[in-house]
Protein backbone atom coordinates (compact mmCIF):
# COMPACT_ATOMS: atom_id res chain seq x y z
CA MET A 1 43.42 18.61 27.99
CA SER A 2 41.81 21.61 26.39
CA SER A 3 39.13 23.37 28.40
CA ASN A 4 37.51 24.91 25.32
CA PRO A 5 33.89 23.79 24.91
CA GLU A 6 33.04 21.70 21.89
CA PRO A 7 31.46 23.67 19.06
CA SER A 8 27.71 23.41 18.83
CA LEU A 9 26.31 21.41 15.95
CA TYR A 10 23.12 23.44 16.04
CA ALA A 11 22.78 26.90 14.52
CA ALA A 12 19.86 29.05 15.52
CA ARG A 13 17.49 29.88 12.69
CA GLU A 14 17.98 33.26 11.09
CA PRO A 15 14.56 34.55 9.97
CA ILE A 16 14.15 35.11 6.25
CA PHE A 17 12.47 38.27 5.00
CA PRO A 18 11.90 37.87 1.24
CA LYS A 19 11.90 41.07 -0.77
CA ARG A 20 8.91 41.96 -2.89
CA VAL A 21 9.40 41.22 -6.59
CA LYS A 22 7.37 41.72 -9.75
CA GLY A 23 7.28 39.51 -12.79
CA LYS A 24 5.41 36.77 -14.62
CA PHE A 25 6.23 34.02 -12.13
CA ARG A 26 5.26 36.18 -9.15
CA ASN A 27 1.99 37.02 -10.90
CA LEU A 28 1.40 33.33 -11.60
CA LYS A 29 1.88 32.58 -7.91
CA TRP A 30 -0.63 35.32 -7.00
CA TYR A 31 -3.20 33.82 -9.37
CA ILE A 32 -2.69 30.30 -8.05
CA MET A 33 -2.85 31.51 -4.44
CA ALA A 34 -6.11 33.36 -5.07
CA ILE A 35 -7.68 30.40 -6.89
CA THR A 36 -6.62 27.72 -4.39
CA LEU A 37 -7.56 29.76 -1.31
CA GLY A 38 -10.85 30.74 -2.94
CA ILE A 39 -11.66 27.10 -3.64
CA TYR A 40 -10.73 26.06 -0.10
CA TYR A 41 -12.66 28.77 1.75
CA LEU A 42 -15.75 29.01 -0.50
CA THR A 43 -16.43 25.41 -1.56
CA PRO A 44 -18.35 24.40 1.63
CA TRP A 45 -20.86 27.19 0.98
CA ILE A 46 -21.80 26.04 -2.53
CA ARG A 47 -25.29 24.50 -2.62
CA TRP A 48 -26.41 21.58 -4.77
CA ASP A 49 -30.03 20.41 -4.86
CA ARG A 50 -30.24 16.62 -4.48
CA GLY A 51 -33.87 16.42 -3.41
CA PRO A 52 -35.63 16.56 -0.03
CA SER A 53 -33.95 13.47 1.40
CA LEU A 54 -30.33 14.43 0.78
CA PRO A 55 -28.02 17.24 1.96
CA ASP A 56 -27.77 20.26 -0.33
CA GLN A 57 -24.08 20.98 0.28
CA ALA A 58 -22.15 20.53 -2.96
CA VAL A 59 -19.04 19.02 -1.34
CA LEU A 60 -19.63 17.14 1.89
CA LEU A 61 -17.79 14.37 3.76
CA ASP A 62 -20.75 12.95 5.67
CA LEU A 63 -18.90 10.80 8.19
CA ALA A 64 -22.04 10.15 10.26
CA ASN A 65 -23.68 8.39 7.30
CA ARG A 66 -20.36 7.28 5.79
CA ARG A 67 -20.80 9.00 2.45
CA PHE A 68 -18.97 11.55 0.33
CA PHE A 69 -20.88 14.01 -1.85
CA PHE A 70 -19.22 15.89 -4.70
CA PHE A 71 -21.83 17.85 -6.66
CA MET A 72 -23.81 15.20 -8.58
CA ILE A 73 -21.53 12.34 -7.46
CA GLU A 74 -22.12 10.33 -4.29
CA ILE A 75 -19.48 7.89 -3.04
CA TRP A 76 -20.47 5.13 -0.59
CA PRO A 77 -18.11 3.32 1.80
CA HIS A 78 -17.91 0.20 -0.39
CA GLU A 79 -16.91 2.45 -3.30
CA PHE A 80 -13.71 3.62 -1.64
CA TYR A 81 -11.85 2.48 -4.73
CA PHE A 82 -12.85 5.84 -6.26
CA VAL A 83 -10.95 7.64 -3.50
CA ALA A 84 -8.02 5.25 -3.91
CA GLY A 85 -8.04 5.95 -7.65
CA LEU A 86 -7.98 9.70 -7.07
CA LEU A 87 -5.03 9.28 -4.70
CA ILE A 88 -3.22 7.22 -7.32
CA MET A 89 -3.90 9.94 -9.89
CA ALA A 90 -2.58 12.57 -7.47
CA GLY A 91 0.59 10.56 -6.94
CA LEU A 92 1.14 9.99 -10.66
CA GLY A 93 0.44 13.66 -11.32
CA LEU A 94 3.04 14.63 -8.76
CA PHE A 95 5.54 12.26 -10.37
CA LEU A 96 4.74 13.69 -13.81
CA PHE A 97 5.18 17.34 -12.84
CA THR A 98 8.32 16.59 -10.84
CA SER A 99 9.94 14.66 -13.69
CA ALA A 100 9.15 17.52 -16.07
CA LEU A 101 9.55 20.63 -13.90
CA GLY A 102 11.16 19.62 -10.63
CA ARG A 103 9.51 20.83 -7.42
CA VAL A 104 6.95 22.93 -9.27
CA TRP A 105 4.19 21.64 -6.94
CA CYS A 106 6.16 22.89 -3.95
CA GLY A 107 6.76 26.29 -5.50
CA TYR A 108 3.22 27.08 -6.60
CA ALA A 109 0.42 24.91 -5.21
CA CYS A 110 1.59 23.20 -2.01
CA PRO A 111 -0.59 24.35 0.94
CA GLN A 112 2.55 25.19 2.91
CA THR A 113 3.71 27.49 0.12
CA VAL A 114 0.29 29.06 -0.45
CA TRP A 115 -0.35 29.89 3.21
CA THR A 116 3.25 31.03 3.75
CA ASP A 117 2.84 33.44 0.83
CA LEU A 118 -0.36 34.71 2.44
CA PHE A 119 1.30 35.25 5.81
CA ILE A 120 4.30 36.99 4.22
CA LEU A 121 1.87 39.23 2.31
CA VAL A 122 0.24 40.23 5.62
CA GLU A 123 3.64 40.79 7.20
CA ARG A 124 4.75 42.99 4.31
CA TRP A 125 1.46 44.93 4.39
CA ILE A 126 1.82 45.70 8.11
CA GLU A 127 5.58 46.01 8.66
CA GLY A 128 6.85 47.05 5.23
CA ASP A 129 9.14 45.48 2.67
CA ARG A 130 12.32 43.56 3.38
CA ASN A 131 14.54 46.37 4.68
CA ALA A 132 11.84 47.69 7.02
CA ARG A 133 11.19 44.20 8.39
CA LEU A 134 14.89 43.59 8.86
CA ARG A 135 15.27 46.83 10.82
CA LEU A 136 12.29 45.95 13.00
CA HIS A 137 13.69 42.46 13.62
CA ARG A 138 17.10 43.80 14.61
CA GLN A 139 15.63 46.47 16.85
CA LYS A 140 16.33 45.21 20.37
CA LYS A 141 14.14 47.71 22.17
CA TRP A 142 10.43 46.94 22.23
CA ASP A 143 8.89 50.37 21.87
CA PHE A 144 5.20 51.06 21.28
CA ARG A 145 5.55 50.98 17.49
CA LYS A 146 7.21 47.57 17.40
CA PHE A 147 4.68 46.18 19.88
CA ARG A 148 1.78 47.58 17.84
CA LEU A 149 3.07 46.22 14.54
CA ARG A 150 3.81 42.76 15.92
CA LEU A 151 0.48 42.54 17.75
CA THR A 152 -1.46 43.66 14.68
CA LYS A 153 0.34 41.11 12.53
CA LEU A 154 -0.28 38.32 15.03
CA ILE A 155 -3.99 39.14 15.27
CA VAL A 156 -4.39 39.02 11.48
CA TRP A 157 -2.45 35.74 11.37
CA ILE A 158 -4.73 34.23 14.00
CA PHE A 159 -7.82 35.30 12.05
CA ILE A 160 -6.39 33.60 8.96
CA GLY A 161 -5.77 30.47 11.04
CA LEU A 162 -9.33 30.58 12.40
CA ALA A 163 -10.74 30.92 8.90
CA THR A 164 -8.60 27.98 7.81
CA GLY A 165 -9.73 25.74 10.67
CA GLY A 166 -13.33 26.88 10.28
CA ALA A 167 -13.35 26.11 6.57
CA TRP A 168 -11.95 22.65 7.29
CA VAL A 169 -14.77 21.59 9.65
CA PHE A 170 -17.38 22.97 7.24
CA TYR A 171 -16.51 20.16 4.84
CA PHE A 172 -17.82 17.57 7.32
CA THR A 173 -21.28 18.96 8.09
CA ASP A 174 -23.75 21.52 6.80
CA ALA A 175 -21.73 24.77 6.73
CA PRO A 176 -24.51 27.34 7.48
CA THR A 177 -25.89 25.25 10.35
CA LEU A 178 -22.46 24.70 11.86
CA MET A 179 -21.60 28.39 11.55
CA VAL A 180 -24.68 29.32 13.60
CA ASP A 181 -23.86 26.66 16.19
CA LEU A 182 -20.25 27.86 16.43
CA LEU A 183 -21.31 31.46 16.98
CA ASN A 184 -23.94 30.43 19.54
CA GLY A 185 -21.48 28.19 21.40
CA THR A 186 -23.65 25.10 20.85
CA ALA A 187 -21.46 23.23 18.36
CA HIS A 188 -19.92 19.90 19.30
CA SER A 189 -16.65 20.05 21.21
CA ILE A 190 -14.93 18.19 18.36
CA ALA A 191 -15.61 21.14 16.07
CA TYR A 192 -14.02 23.64 18.47
CA THR A 193 -11.05 21.31 19.09
CA THR A 194 -10.47 20.80 15.38
CA ILE A 195 -10.61 24.53 14.69
CA ALA A 196 -8.17 25.20 17.53
CA VAL A 197 -5.70 22.59 16.26
CA MET A 198 -5.98 23.80 12.67
CA THR A 199 -5.56 27.42 13.75
CA PHE A 200 -2.42 26.64 15.73
CA THR A 201 -0.82 24.48 13.02
CA THR A 202 -1.67 26.95 10.24
CA VAL A 203 -0.14 29.89 12.11
CA PHE A 204 2.86 27.90 13.30
CA PHE A 205 3.65 26.36 9.91
CA GLY A 206 2.91 29.37 7.71
CA ALA A 207 3.88 32.26 9.97
CA PHE A 208 6.76 30.98 12.10
CA ALA A 209 8.24 27.73 10.72
CA ARG A 210 7.87 28.68 7.05
CA GLU A 211 10.84 27.38 5.06
CA GLN A 212 11.84 24.96 7.83
CA ILE A 213 8.82 22.81 6.98
CA CYS A 214 10.01 22.57 3.37
CA ILE A 215 13.63 21.92 4.28
CA TYR A 216 13.40 19.65 7.32
CA ALA A 217 9.85 18.31 7.82
CA CYS A 218 8.67 17.58 4.28
CA PRO A 219 9.85 14.23 2.84
CA TRP A 220 9.33 15.24 -0.78
CA PRO A 221 12.73 16.94 -1.31
CA ARG A 222 14.37 13.61 -0.47
CA ILE A 223 12.06 11.65 -2.76
CA GLN A 224 12.16 13.99 -5.74
CA ALA A 225 15.66 12.91 -6.76
CA ALA A 226 14.23 9.59 -7.93
CA MET A 227 11.73 11.46 -10.14
CA MET A 228 14.28 13.77 -11.79
CA ASP A 229 16.97 13.23 -14.40
CA GLU A 230 19.35 15.36 -16.44
CA ASP A 231 16.51 16.57 -18.68
CA THR A 232 14.21 17.74 -15.87
CA LEU A 233 13.60 21.47 -15.99
CA THR A 234 14.29 23.28 -12.75
CA VAL A 235 15.44 26.74 -11.75
CA GLY A 236 19.11 27.14 -12.56
CA TYR A 237 21.86 29.71 -13.09
CA ARG A 238 23.74 30.03 -16.38
CA SER A 239 27.18 30.15 -14.80
CA TRP A 240 28.84 29.94 -18.22
CA ARG A 241 27.32 33.31 -18.95
CA GLY A 242 27.33 34.96 -15.53
CA GLU A 243 30.80 34.08 -14.23
CA PRO A 244 33.05 35.56 -13.14
CA ARG A 245 30.55 37.76 -11.34
CA GLY A 246 31.34 41.21 -10.09
CA LYS A 247 30.04 44.75 -9.65
CA GLY A 248 32.69 46.46 -11.74
CA LYS A 249 32.07 48.20 -15.02
CA ARG A 250 32.04 45.87 -18.04
CA THR A 251 34.62 46.80 -20.68
CA LYS A 252 36.43 44.93 -23.42
CA ASP A 253 39.42 44.50 -21.13
CA THR A 254 37.49 43.01 -18.20
CA GLU A 255 36.62 39.33 -17.83
CA LEU A 256 33.47 39.81 -15.79
CA GLY A 257 30.35 37.91 -16.69
CA ASP A 258 26.78 39.19 -16.83
CA CYS A 259 26.10 38.63 -13.10
CA ILE A 260 26.67 41.91 -11.25
CA ASP A 261 26.41 40.20 -7.84
CA CYS A 262 23.50 42.40 -6.80
CA MET A 263 22.04 39.64 -4.54
CA ALA A 264 18.53 40.30 -5.87
CA CYS A 265 18.01 36.58 -6.47
CA VAL A 266 18.96 35.82 -2.85
CA ASN A 267 16.89 38.62 -1.33
CA VAL A 268 13.64 37.39 -2.93
CA CYS A 269 14.17 33.69 -2.17
CA PRO A 270 11.59 32.40 0.37
CA VAL A 271 13.98 29.69 1.58
CA GLY A 272 17.07 31.93 1.69
CA ILE A 273 19.38 30.11 -0.73
CA ASP A 274 21.69 31.39 -3.46
CA ILE A 275 20.64 29.70 -6.70
CA ARG A 276 24.03 30.55 -8.18
CA ASP A 277 25.52 27.80 -6.02
CA GLY A 278 23.77 25.20 -8.17
CA GLN A 279 20.80 22.93 -7.62
CA GLN A 280 20.00 22.51 -3.94
CA LEU A 281 17.60 20.41 -1.92
CA GLU A 282 16.09 23.55 -0.36
CA CYS A 283 15.00 25.07 -3.69
CA ILE A 284 11.21 24.86 -4.16
CA THR A 285 11.34 26.01 -7.81
CA CYS A 286 9.15 29.06 -7.16
CA ALA A 287 11.10 31.01 -9.85
CA LEU A 288 10.98 34.33 -7.96
CA CYS A 289 14.73 34.58 -8.47
CA ILE A 290 14.09 34.48 -12.22
CA ASP A 291 11.83 37.52 -11.98
CA ALA A 292 14.34 39.38 -9.82
CA CYS A 293 17.28 38.61 -12.10
CA ASP A 294 15.37 39.43 -15.29
CA GLU A 295 14.41 42.80 -13.85
CA MET A 296 18.03 43.55 -12.99
CA MET A 297 19.32 42.39 -16.38
CA GLU A 298 16.96 44.81 -18.09
CA LYS A 299 18.28 47.65 -15.92
CA VAL A 300 21.89 46.95 -16.85
CA GLY A 301 21.14 46.29 -20.51
CA LYS A 302 21.84 42.56 -20.52
CA PRO A 303 19.70 39.75 -22.00
CA ARG A 304 17.15 38.14 -19.72
CA GLY A 305 17.48 34.50 -18.72
CA LEU A 306 20.69 34.53 -16.66
CA ILE A 307 18.61 32.62 -14.12
CA ASP A 308 15.99 30.50 -15.85
CA TYR A 309 14.27 27.15 -16.02
CA LEU A 310 17.15 24.87 -17.04
CA ALA A 311 18.04 21.19 -17.06
CA VAL A 312 21.38 19.76 -16.02
CA GLY A 313 21.85 18.51 -19.56
CA ASP A 314 21.49 22.06 -20.89
CA GLU A 315 24.73 23.21 -19.29
CA GLU A 316 27.15 21.34 -21.56
CA TRP A 317 24.96 22.05 -24.58
CA GLU A 318 24.79 25.81 -24.05
CA THR A 319 28.39 26.10 -22.83
CA ALA A 320 29.42 24.83 -26.25
CA GLY A 321 27.69 27.85 -27.77
CA ASN A 322 24.53 26.11 -28.94
CA ALA A 323 21.12 27.73 -28.82
CA PRO A 324 18.78 26.60 -26.00
CA ARG A 325 17.09 23.28 -26.72
CA SER A 326 13.37 22.89 -27.39
CA ILE A 327 11.43 22.61 -24.14
CA TRP A 328 8.75 20.31 -25.56
CA LYS A 329 11.04 18.00 -27.50
CA HIS A 330 13.87 17.56 -25.01
CA HIS A 331 12.21 18.16 -21.65
CA PHE A 332 8.51 17.36 -21.81
CA LEU A 333 8.12 14.66 -24.48
CA ARG A 334 10.42 12.09 -22.91
CA PRO A 335 9.79 8.39 -22.18
CA ARG A 336 9.39 9.04 -18.45
CA THR A 337 6.90 11.88 -18.79
CA VAL A 338 4.99 10.06 -21.54
CA LEU A 339 4.74 6.97 -19.32
CA TYR A 340 3.48 8.97 -16.33
CA THR A 341 0.96 10.76 -18.55
CA ALA A 342 -0.30 7.49 -20.00
CA LEU A 343 -0.69 5.88 -16.56
CA TRP A 344 -2.40 8.98 -15.17
CA SER A 345 -4.81 9.08 -18.11
CA LEU A 346 -5.51 5.35 -17.85
CA VAL A 347 -6.48 5.57 -14.19
CA GLY A 348 -8.65 8.61 -14.91
CA VAL A 349 -10.48 6.86 -17.77
CA LEU A 350 -11.07 3.76 -15.64
CA LEU A 351 -12.53 5.88 -12.83
CA VAL A 352 -14.86 7.71 -15.22
CA VAL A 353 -16.02 4.44 -16.77
CA ALA A 354 -16.56 2.88 -13.34
CA LEU A 355 -18.50 5.95 -12.25
CA PHE A 356 -20.93 5.82 -15.17
CA VAL A 357 -21.46 2.05 -15.28
CA ARG A 358 -22.23 1.60 -11.58
CA LYS A 359 -25.80 0.70 -10.71
CA ASP A 360 -28.22 2.86 -8.74
CA ILE A 361 -29.38 -0.22 -6.82
CA GLU A 362 -27.17 -2.87 -5.23
CA ILE A 363 -27.51 -6.09 -3.31
CA THR A 364 -25.15 -8.06 -1.07
CA VAL A 365 -26.06 -11.40 0.45
CA ALA A 366 -24.60 -13.03 3.58
CA PRO A 367 -25.88 -16.52 4.52
CA VAL A 368 -26.58 -16.98 8.22
CA ARG A 369 -24.24 -19.76 9.34
CA ASN A 370 -25.66 -20.54 12.77
CA PRO A 371 -27.45 -22.75 11.97
CA THR A 372 -26.54 -23.41 8.36
CA TYR A 373 -30.07 -24.65 7.70
CA VAL A 374 -33.11 -25.87 9.63
CA THR A 375 -35.62 -28.59 8.91
CA LEU A 376 -39.21 -27.47 9.38
CA SER A 377 -42.04 -29.64 10.75
CA ASP A 378 -43.31 -30.49 7.26
CA GLY A 379 -39.87 -31.74 6.20
CA SER A 380 -38.93 -28.70 4.13
CA ILE A 381 -35.49 -27.12 4.49
CA ARG A 382 -34.97 -23.43 5.20
CA ASN A 383 -31.89 -21.24 4.83
CA THR A 384 -31.63 -17.74 6.27
CA TYR A 385 -29.84 -14.84 4.55
CA GLU A 386 -28.97 -11.29 5.55
CA VAL A 387 -29.66 -9.27 2.41
CA ARG A 388 -28.46 -5.68 2.18
CA LEU A 389 -30.43 -3.62 -0.30
CA ARG A 390 -28.93 -0.28 -1.29
CA ASN A 391 -31.04 2.45 -2.88
CA LYS A 392 -28.95 5.28 -4.34
CA HIS A 393 -31.94 7.25 -5.63
CA GLY A 394 -33.23 10.41 -3.98
CA GLU A 395 -36.65 8.88 -3.30
CA ASP A 396 -38.02 5.67 -1.76
CA ARG A 397 -38.03 2.71 -4.14
CA PRO A 398 -39.93 -0.64 -4.03
CA PHE A 399 -37.61 -3.63 -4.55
CA ARG A 400 -38.88 -7.10 -5.50
CA LEU A 401 -36.76 -10.08 -4.43
CA SER A 402 -36.75 -13.37 -6.30
CA VAL A 403 -34.48 -16.38 -6.84
CA LYS A 404 -33.37 -18.19 -9.96
CA GLY A 405 -31.51 -21.44 -10.39
CA ASP A 406 -33.82 -23.99 -8.77
CA PRO A 407 -37.56 -23.67 -9.45
CA SER A 408 -38.43 -25.43 -6.19
CA LEU A 409 -36.94 -22.68 -4.00
CA ARG A 410 -39.36 -20.23 -2.40
CA VAL A 411 -38.61 -16.76 -0.97
CA ASP A 412 -40.10 -15.40 2.27
CA LEU A 413 -39.31 -11.91 3.57
CA GLU A 414 -39.27 -11.34 7.29
CA GLY A 415 -41.87 -8.80 8.38
CA THR A 416 -44.02 -8.90 5.22
CA PRO A 417 -46.02 -11.55 3.35
CA TYR A 418 -45.04 -10.02 0.02
CA GLU A 419 -41.90 -10.30 -2.10
CA VAL A 420 -41.61 -6.51 -2.33
CA VAL A 421 -39.87 -4.31 0.26
CA THR A 422 -39.55 -0.53 0.25
CA VAL A 423 -36.02 0.84 0.66
CA PRO A 424 -35.81 4.46 1.87
CA ALA A 425 -34.18 7.09 -0.31
CA ASP A 426 -30.40 7.07 -0.48
CA SER A 427 -29.97 4.44 2.19
CA MET A 428 -29.24 0.79 2.82
CA LYS A 429 -31.87 -1.58 4.24
CA LEU A 430 -30.95 -4.83 5.97
CA GLN A 431 -33.62 -7.41 5.16
CA ARG A 432 -33.71 -10.93 6.57
CA VAL A 433 -34.80 -13.36 3.85
CA TYR A 434 -35.78 -17.02 4.16
CA VAL A 435 -35.33 -19.41 1.25
CA VAL A 436 -37.30 -22.65 1.60
CA ALA A 437 -36.97 -25.93 -0.33
CA PRO A 438 -39.91 -28.40 -0.12
CA LYS A 439 -39.30 -31.86 1.29
CA GLY A 440 -37.60 -34.14 -1.19
CA SER A 441 -36.56 -31.33 -3.53
CA VAL A 442 -32.90 -31.40 -2.45
CA PRO A 443 -30.86 -33.94 -4.43
CA ALA A 444 -29.55 -36.76 -2.24
CA GLU A 445 -26.12 -36.63 -3.83
CA ASN A 446 -25.56 -32.90 -3.19
CA ASP A 447 -26.12 -30.78 -0.08
CA ARG A 448 -25.28 -27.44 -1.77
CA THR A 449 -27.40 -25.86 -4.48
CA GLU A 450 -26.21 -22.76 -6.29
CA PHE A 451 -28.80 -20.11 -7.04
CA ARG A 452 -29.06 -16.39 -7.72
CA PHE A 453 -30.82 -13.65 -5.80
CA TRP A 454 -32.46 -11.08 -8.08
CA VAL A 455 -33.56 -7.60 -7.03
CA GLU A 456 -35.78 -5.53 -9.30
CA ASP A 457 -36.65 -1.88 -8.89
CA THR A 458 -40.33 -2.09 -9.79
CA SER A 459 -40.51 1.65 -10.53
CA ASN A 460 -38.13 1.53 -13.51
CA GLY A 461 -37.25 -2.15 -14.07
CA ASP A 462 -33.56 -1.94 -13.08
CA ARG A 463 -32.25 -5.32 -11.91
CA VAL A 464 -29.15 -6.56 -10.08
CA HIS A 465 -28.21 -9.99 -8.77
CA ASN A 466 -25.98 -11.79 -6.30
CA ASP A 467 -24.96 -15.46 -6.47
CA THR A 468 -25.00 -17.63 -3.36
CA VAL A 469 -25.74 -21.24 -2.29
CA PHE A 470 -28.57 -23.10 -0.60
CA ASN A 471 -27.40 -25.56 2.01
CA GLY A 472 -29.51 -28.74 2.19
CA ARG A 473 -29.44 -32.10 3.94
CA LYS A 474 -28.41 -35.40 2.46
CA ASN A 475 -31.39 -37.80 2.57
């Protein structure tokens, strides 16, 4: 038997140090990174005046009171269908962009990509561009310079992680108040724990794991195949133009293609792949290789577009010598993308309609079942109901309760001799209500009488109702 050890199935990760590149796609990524990070870090500090009884933070997930504020919109727990609708729109939007442009979300707007770009920017700013970082990585001896550079980089990374975790908790309570409490050490332990967890995960994912999250942890690369077809645009290499590649001088007698095998496309790739090997699961469609290749093509006097946004169906078409196909006609305006767009728009329209037709006052009624009804000393029958009155206005409102359906039914409110109850601003009031039927008013052939609770806002006349039943006794 051989004594040689079995080969390991695990290969240690080789760190990737992307080279800096300039171009339209790199600039687009800078703009998106600045906008998305600006929105994330600054949104909790935007103020929005809702009146004296409501928080003035524009975007707030008020878990204590189970409400979500978004500028002029307020979402209550029973209106979670708005959140579900937004999630459906996000899913359909992801399907739409993937079917049209592949993993464009991953390459430009995914939080993992955005924060990884930010951490790489810090690394490049402190340690230098790709060659300098490679030399520092391969330097075995830890001298003072290497220690200083690595420590400085780590400190900046941790501050970014702290800012990320801090911004996250600011969405759940008043940001200025929480900031003071955090600095004074008086904030709740949950806030400090959340910031610590977010700091660690942000630094680990964006600074150390980087492309491994996209390749191994994220499920989307495995799912995207179902969203793509032969007409989906994604980053590709025009092999029919670039091959055979080589660094030799191009003459009439040589058979070399336009690719000079300079490796610029590989050196700028944040996931370390060679796009010339064809479409790969690891590719996040960031298009940095397009910028790098276009820059090199200009230097050697060749047309741009050797690496470009291409569809699988374009290969046979262009190999035959045809001009590139229309992007809109053949790639964007297809049955799949049109269907996704229609569904996305439909859900959005329904959400907007539901948002504007919802009432500012609401009522829900729950009959008390134990007992179902009671017979009073004068022979009348009484049912008890738990009525929830919801006032979505920014000030207290008087609500009048009444019933309709049987003129013999009478309403009594617990705690007040009147039919009017005041509901505090932007809150829900639980009111116990008694409905009484005089003796002999309940039909002998029926022990259930349908009726309707009406609630009227006496300050502006708005009315809502809720149907329920009155349980009686057969005589």
